[in-house]
Amino acid sequence: VSTVCVSKRKLVEPVNLDGVAVDRISAFLVAGSEDDDPVPLAANRGRAAQGPIFPTHQQISAGKGALPLDLVRRVEDEHPELLGRIRSYMGGDEFLEDPGQRPVRWVVDLDGFTLEEAGSGAEFLLRQVEAAFLGSGGGKGISDISRRRAEQFWLPSAAARSARAIMDSQERFLMHPFTASYLSFAFLPRGILVGGPHNVFAIDDYSEFAVLQSRVHEIWVKFFGSTLEDRQRYTLTDCFAPFPFPAVTPGRQAAIAYYDFRASLMERNQEGLTRIYSRFHDPNEREAAILKLRELHATMDSAVLDAYG
């Protein structure tokens, strides 16, 4: 619970903030006169986007956001013309829980196709979508927006096109879930389709990974971002667009050492990012490997701070 007290009376004497006398409390509930949100930076424009959302596929697989395996197999067997349109799908669950961020779901991606161009395969999919989406209740309780999305499931949203460009234009890209208990960035290879509202970044360099995974960025995200229950929401407008990267590139070696050790630790323990960072932030956790991860993180943080001067 955050308790905020407001006074109409102009205060001329110093006010008390957490036991400290300050001249003024800002709109961000810290000492100072700055009340405005940070502005988006031109340098970050086009470097991040939310992935495409597949609302009808979510209905097909009961909220998991992708096609079930048996339907994928039918598409492969009966409609080979769609084979190139079946893509590995990455959601927030497997990104945070799988030790290697391996996709276990698929979507049929008809971006750029009309139904006529996609042929009988698209008609088959549309029938499956309608059956699963409407169900035995005949679509009762489904909003008009959701219904239109179901009827035009092959059409991408304009907002998703920039995300597709990021995911398909370089050998790897960076991802962060929309909601996560801890700051958790990792690289994914080209070809994987990240579903919205999760975020993708046109970043393939360890140095910039170091900046985003550092405590510098973590503090920024916690301060300017919002939360869902006890999890942080990584909103691009608040967390990334106005975030200033250092003019000097941090050393890559500290980031590589951290990233590789974190990956090997997750595989060895069969623990995902959430579990690893839960232990990382637990003051009572004293396992040697976690202590080593903290040490490598501190080294990476120092390199980032050096880059900022």
Protein backbone atom coordinates (compact mmCIF):
# COMPACT_ATOMS: atom_id res chain seq x y z
CA VAL A 1 0.00 0.00 0.00
CA SER A 2 1.32 3.45 -0.95
CA THR A 3 -0.14 6.25 1.15
CA VAL A 4 0.04 9.70 -0.45
CA CYS A 5 -0.91 12.82 1.53
CA VAL A 6 -1.81 15.99 -0.36
CA SER A 7 -2.05 19.52 1.04
CA LYS A 8 -3.60 22.56 -0.65
CA ARG A 9 -1.65 24.81 1.68
CA LYS A 10 1.65 26.04 0.24
CA LEU A 11 4.46 24.80 2.45
CA VAL A 12 7.27 27.23 3.04
CA GLU A 13 9.15 25.20 5.61
CA PRO A 14 11.08 22.02 4.68
CA VAL A 15 8.89 18.95 4.37
CA ASN A 16 9.65 15.50 5.69
CA LEU A 17 10.35 12.63 3.29
CA ASP A 18 11.17 9.29 4.91
CA GLY A 19 12.64 11.06 7.92
CA VAL A 20 14.70 13.54 5.87
CA ALA A 21 13.93 17.24 5.57
CA VAL A 22 13.63 18.26 1.90
CA ASP A 23 12.51 21.44 0.15
CA ARG A 24 10.02 19.73 -2.13
CA ILE A 25 8.55 16.31 -2.95
CA SER A 26 8.11 15.74 -6.69
CA ALA A 27 5.30 13.93 -8.51
CA PHE A 28 7.53 10.84 -8.44
CA LEU A 29 7.50 11.01 -4.61
CA VAL A 30 11.21 11.78 -4.37
CA ALA A 31 13.00 14.97 -3.41
CA GLY A 32 13.30 17.50 -6.24
CA SER A 33 11.42 19.68 -8.70
CA GLU A 34 11.19 17.32 -11.70
CA ASP A 35 7.59 16.22 -12.26
CA ASP A 36 7.56 15.30 -15.96
CA ASP A 37 7.97 11.83 -17.46
CA PRO A 38 11.18 11.20 -19.43
CA VAL A 39 10.72 11.83 -23.15
CA PRO A 40 11.31 9.19 -25.85
CA LEU A 41 14.79 9.36 -27.37
CA ALA A 42 15.36 9.44 -31.12
CA ALA A 43 18.27 7.02 -30.71
CA ASN A 44 15.88 4.30 -29.47
CA ARG A 45 13.27 4.73 -32.18
CA GLY A 46 12.59 1.52 -34.10
CA ARG A 47 14.82 -0.58 -31.85
CA ALA A 48 12.07 -2.31 -29.88
CA ALA A 49 8.52 -3.53 -30.45
CA GLN A 50 5.84 -5.80 -29.08
CA GLY A 51 5.34 -9.11 -30.82
CA PRO A 52 2.18 -9.96 -32.81
CA ILE A 53 -0.84 -11.25 -30.91
CA PHE A 54 -2.70 -14.31 -32.12
CA PRO A 55 -6.09 -14.04 -30.38
CA THR A 56 -7.76 -16.94 -32.17
CA HIS A 57 -4.88 -19.29 -31.47
CA GLN A 58 -5.21 -18.45 -27.81
CA GLN A 59 -8.76 -19.72 -27.99
CA ILE A 60 -7.71 -22.93 -29.75
CA SER A 61 -5.30 -23.97 -27.04
CA ALA A 62 -7.14 -22.70 -23.98
CA GLY A 63 -5.14 -19.57 -23.34
CA LYS A 64 -1.68 -20.85 -24.26
CA GLY A 65 -1.50 -18.70 -27.35
CA ALA A 66 -0.50 -21.20 -30.05
CA LEU A 67 -1.62 -24.17 -32.10
CA PRO A 68 -1.78 -27.58 -30.43
CA LEU A 69 0.64 -30.19 -31.75
CA ASP A 70 -2.04 -32.41 -33.28
CA LEU A 71 -3.31 -29.52 -35.39
CA VAL A 72 0.23 -28.66 -36.51
CA ARG A 73 0.72 -32.27 -37.61
CA ARG A 74 -2.53 -32.17 -39.60
CA VAL A 75 -1.44 -28.99 -41.34
CA GLU A 76 1.89 -30.59 -42.21
CA ASP A 77 0.24 -33.73 -43.56
CA GLU A 78 -2.72 -32.26 -45.39
CA HIS A 79 -1.47 -28.82 -46.46
CA PRO A 80 2.26 -28.85 -47.25
CA GLU A 81 1.92 -25.44 -48.91
CA LEU A 82 1.77 -24.00 -45.38
CA LEU A 83 4.92 -25.71 -44.10
CA GLY A 84 6.98 -22.56 -44.49
CA ARG A 85 4.36 -20.64 -42.55
CA ILE A 86 4.55 -22.76 -39.38
CA ARG A 87 6.82 -20.96 -36.96
CA SER A 88 8.17 -21.69 -33.51
CA TYR A 89 6.32 -19.53 -31.02
CA MET A 90 7.80 -18.04 -27.88
CA GLY A 91 5.63 -16.84 -25.02
CA GLY A 92 6.51 -15.51 -21.62
CA ASP A 93 6.03 -18.83 -19.80
CA GLU A 94 8.62 -20.86 -21.68
CA PHE A 95 10.99 -17.90 -21.90
CA LEU A 96 11.07 -17.58 -18.12
CA GLU A 97 10.69 -21.24 -17.15
CA ASP A 98 12.69 -23.22 -19.72
CA PRO A 99 16.44 -23.29 -18.91
CA GLY A 100 17.36 -22.75 -22.56
CA GLN A 101 14.47 -20.52 -23.70
CA ARG A 102 13.35 -23.25 -26.11
CA PRO A 103 9.99 -22.84 -27.85
CA VAL A 104 7.51 -25.68 -27.40
CA ARG A 105 4.61 -24.20 -29.34
CA TRP A 106 3.85 -23.24 -32.93
CA VAL A 107 1.72 -20.79 -34.87
CA VAL A 108 0.73 -20.68 -38.51
CA ASP A 109 1.87 -17.27 -39.64
CA LEU A 110 0.05 -16.02 -42.75
CA ASP A 111 1.54 -12.54 -42.64
CA GLY A 112 1.41 -11.00 -46.11
CA PHE A 113 -1.02 -13.58 -47.49
CA THR A 114 -4.61 -13.16 -48.54
CA LEU A 115 -6.91 -16.10 -47.91
CA GLU A 116 -7.00 -16.72 -51.65
CA GLU A 117 -3.19 -16.87 -51.85
CA ALA A 118 -2.98 -19.19 -48.87
CA GLY A 119 -5.39 -21.58 -50.59
CA SER A 120 -7.12 -24.59 -49.10
CA GLY A 121 -4.75 -24.65 -46.14
CA ALA A 122 -6.08 -21.30 -44.94
CA GLU A 123 -9.66 -22.47 -45.39
CA PHE A 124 -8.88 -25.53 -43.28
CA LEU A 125 -7.36 -23.37 -40.57
CA LEU A 126 -10.29 -20.98 -40.62
CA ARG A 127 -12.70 -23.86 -40.02
CA GLN A 128 -10.57 -25.02 -37.07
CA VAL A 129 -10.44 -21.51 -35.68
CA GLU A 130 -14.19 -21.02 -35.96
CA ALA A 131 -14.93 -24.35 -34.30
CA ALA A 132 -12.56 -23.74 -31.42
CA PHE A 133 -13.35 -20.06 -31.05
CA LEU A 134 -17.13 -20.31 -31.09
CA GLY A 135 -17.30 -23.66 -29.29
CA SER A 136 -20.48 -25.31 -28.18
CA GLY A 137 -21.84 -22.04 -26.84
CA GLY A 138 -22.00 -20.50 -30.30
CA GLY A 139 -19.70 -17.64 -29.37
CA LYS A 140 -21.87 -16.36 -26.55
CA GLY A 141 -20.07 -13.76 -24.44
CA ILE A 142 -17.35 -13.08 -27.04
CA SER A 143 -16.73 -9.42 -27.76
CA ASP A 144 -17.19 -7.97 -31.24
CA ILE A 145 -13.49 -7.08 -31.38
CA SER A 146 -12.46 -10.65 -30.53
CA ARG A 147 -14.90 -12.00 -33.09
CA ARG A 148 -13.49 -9.77 -35.84
CA ARG A 149 -9.98 -10.87 -34.93
CA ALA A 150 -11.08 -14.50 -35.19
CA GLU A 151 -12.63 -13.93 -38.59
CA GLN A 152 -9.45 -12.23 -39.86
CA PHE A 153 -6.87 -14.26 -37.98
CA TRP A 154 -4.35 -14.15 -40.84
CA LEU A 155 -4.05 -10.34 -40.86
CA PRO A 156 -1.18 -8.90 -38.80
CA SER A 157 -1.61 -5.68 -36.90
CA ALA A 158 0.37 -2.69 -38.08
CA ALA A 159 2.09 -2.51 -34.71
CA ALA A 160 3.39 -6.06 -35.14
CA ARG A 161 5.19 -5.37 -38.43
CA SER A 162 8.11 -3.63 -36.73
CA ALA A 163 8.47 -6.60 -34.37
CA ARG A 164 8.54 -8.99 -37.33
CA ALA A 165 11.23 -6.89 -38.96
CA ILE A 166 13.37 -7.21 -35.82
CA MET A 167 12.83 -10.97 -35.48
CA ASP A 168 13.53 -11.72 -39.14
CA SER A 169 16.33 -9.29 -40.02
CA GLN A 170 19.26 -10.44 -37.89
CA GLU A 171 20.82 -13.67 -36.67
CA ARG A 172 19.57 -13.12 -33.14
CA PHE A 173 17.61 -10.55 -31.18
CA LEU A 174 16.92 -9.73 -27.55
CA MET A 175 13.66 -10.51 -25.75
CA HIS A 176 12.09 -9.46 -22.47
CA PRO A 177 8.63 -10.59 -21.26
CA PHE A 178 5.89 -8.05 -20.74
CA THR A 179 5.58 -9.13 -17.11
CA ALA A 180 8.31 -10.76 -15.02
CA SER A 181 9.27 -10.95 -11.38
CA TYR A 182 12.83 -9.90 -12.21
CA LEU A 183 14.63 -8.15 -15.04
CA SER A 184 15.28 -10.99 -17.51
CA PHE A 185 16.84 -10.39 -20.94
CA ALA A 186 18.04 -13.17 -23.23
CA PHE A 187 18.91 -13.67 -26.91
CA LEU A 188 16.72 -15.69 -29.27
CA PRO A 189 17.71 -16.92 -32.74
CA ARG A 190 16.14 -15.67 -35.95
CA GLY A 191 13.07 -17.64 -36.94
CA ILE A 192 11.37 -17.75 -33.56
CA LEU A 193 8.18 -15.71 -33.44
CA VAL A 194 7.70 -13.92 -30.12
CA GLY A 195 4.04 -13.36 -29.33
CA GLY A 196 2.71 -10.13 -27.94
CA PRO A 197 2.53 -8.35 -25.64
CA HIS A 198 6.13 -9.53 -25.01
CA ASN A 199 8.96 -7.33 -26.24
CA VAL A 200 11.70 -7.82 -28.83
CA PHE A 201 14.74 -5.61 -29.35
CA ALA A 202 16.93 -5.05 -32.40
CA ILE A 203 19.97 -5.81 -30.24
CA ASP A 204 22.42 -8.62 -30.92
CA ASP A 205 25.46 -7.31 -29.06
CA TYR A 206 26.57 -8.38 -25.59
CA SER A 207 27.54 -4.83 -24.65
CA GLU A 208 24.00 -3.53 -25.01
CA PHE A 209 22.68 -6.64 -23.26
CA ALA A 210 24.95 -5.67 -20.36
CA VAL A 211 23.36 -2.21 -20.18
CA LEU A 212 19.80 -3.53 -20.18
CA GLN A 213 20.48 -6.35 -17.69
CA SER A 214 22.47 -4.09 -15.38
CA ARG A 215 21.28 -2.63 -12.11
CA VAL A 216 21.33 0.80 -13.77
CA HIS A 217 18.48 -0.24 -16.04
CA GLU A 218 16.82 -2.29 -13.31
CA ILE A 219 16.48 0.78 -11.09
CA TRP A 220 15.15 2.77 -14.05
CA VAL A 221 12.52 0.10 -14.83
CA LYS A 222 11.38 -0.14 -11.22
CA PHE A 223 11.11 3.63 -10.95
CA PHE A 224 9.34 4.48 -14.21
CA GLY A 225 7.61 1.20 -15.05
CA SER A 226 4.38 -0.18 -13.65
CA THR A 227 3.53 -3.44 -11.91
CA LEU A 228 1.02 -6.25 -12.17
CA GLU A 229 0.48 -7.83 -8.75
CA ASP A 230 4.07 -8.41 -7.55
CA ARG A 231 5.58 -8.53 -11.05
CA GLN A 232 7.22 -5.77 -13.05
CA ARG A 233 5.61 -4.76 -16.33
CA TYR A 234 8.17 -3.90 -19.01
CA THR A 235 6.36 -1.27 -21.06
CA LEU A 236 8.44 0.00 -23.97
CA THR A 237 7.12 3.57 -23.73
CA ASP A 238 8.23 3.92 -20.10
CA CYS A 239 11.14 1.51 -19.77
CA PHE A 240 12.97 1.55 -23.11
CA ALA A 241 12.01 4.49 -25.35
CA PRO A 242 13.32 7.19 -22.94
CA PHE A 243 16.20 5.16 -21.50
CA PRO A 244 19.61 6.70 -22.31
CA PHE A 245 22.33 4.26 -23.33
CA PRO A 246 25.91 5.33 -22.53
CA ALA A 247 27.85 7.05 -25.31
CA VAL A 248 30.74 4.67 -24.69
CA THR A 249 30.18 0.95 -25.31
CA PRO A 250 30.75 -1.18 -22.18
CA GLY A 251 33.33 -3.94 -22.37
CA ARG A 252 31.89 -7.08 -23.94
CA GLN A 253 33.95 -9.62 -22.02
CA ALA A 254 32.21 -9.02 -18.69
CA ALA A 255 28.83 -9.43 -20.37
CA ILE A 256 29.88 -12.58 -22.22
CA ALA A 257 31.23 -14.14 -19.02
CA TYR A 258 28.00 -13.33 -17.18
CA TYR A 259 25.68 -14.50 -19.98
CA ASP A 260 27.52 -17.79 -20.57
CA PHE A 261 27.74 -18.60 -16.86
CA ARG A 262 24.05 -17.84 -16.36
CA ALA A 263 23.15 -20.08 -19.31
CA SER A 264 25.29 -22.97 -18.07
CA LEU A 265 23.90 -22.58 -14.53
CA MET A 266 20.31 -22.75 -15.77
CA GLU A 267 21.02 -25.86 -17.85
CA ARG A 268 22.95 -27.58 -15.07
CA ASN A 269 20.24 -26.93 -12.48
CA GLN A 270 17.34 -27.19 -14.95
CA GLU A 271 16.03 -23.86 -13.68
CA GLY A 272 14.62 -21.03 -15.75
CA LEU A 273 15.29 -17.31 -15.47
CA THR A 274 12.62 -16.73 -12.83
CA ARG A 275 13.97 -19.42 -10.53
CA ILE A 276 17.61 -18.39 -11.03
CA TYR A 277 16.91 -14.72 -10.30
CA SER A 278 14.71 -15.61 -7.34
CA ARG A 279 17.74 -17.32 -5.81
CA PHE A 280 20.02 -14.51 -7.02
CA HIS A 281 17.98 -11.92 -5.09
CA ASP A 282 17.45 -14.06 -1.99
CA PRO A 283 19.82 -12.74 0.73
CA ASN A 284 19.78 -16.17 2.40
CA GLU A 285 20.94 -17.98 -0.76
CA ARG A 286 24.63 -18.88 -0.38
CA GLU A 287 25.24 -21.56 -3.00
CA ALA A 288 28.66 -21.13 -4.59
CA ALA A 289 27.25 -20.88 -8.12
CA ILE A 290 24.82 -18.10 -7.12
CA LEU A 291 27.63 -16.25 -5.37
CA LYS A 292 29.65 -16.53 -8.57
CA LEU A 293 26.72 -15.21 -10.62
CA ARG A 294 26.46 -12.23 -8.27
CA GLU A 295 30.17 -11.58 -8.64
CA LEU A 296 29.93 -11.67 -12.44
CA HIS A 297 26.87 -9.41 -12.32
CA ALA A 298 28.78 -6.89 -10.19
CA THR A 299 31.66 -6.93 -12.67
CA MET A 300 29.22 -6.33 -15.52
CA ASP A 301 27.58 -3.50 -13.57
CA SER A 302 30.97 -1.88 -13.01
CA ALA A 303 31.70 -2.01 -16.73
CA VAL A 304 28.33 -0.35 -17.44
CA LEU A 305 28.94 2.36 -14.83
CA ASP A 306 32.39 3.00 -16.32
CA ALA A 307 30.74 3.45 -19.72
CA TYR A 308 28.45 6.10 -18.22
CA GLY A 309 31.47 7.78 -16.68
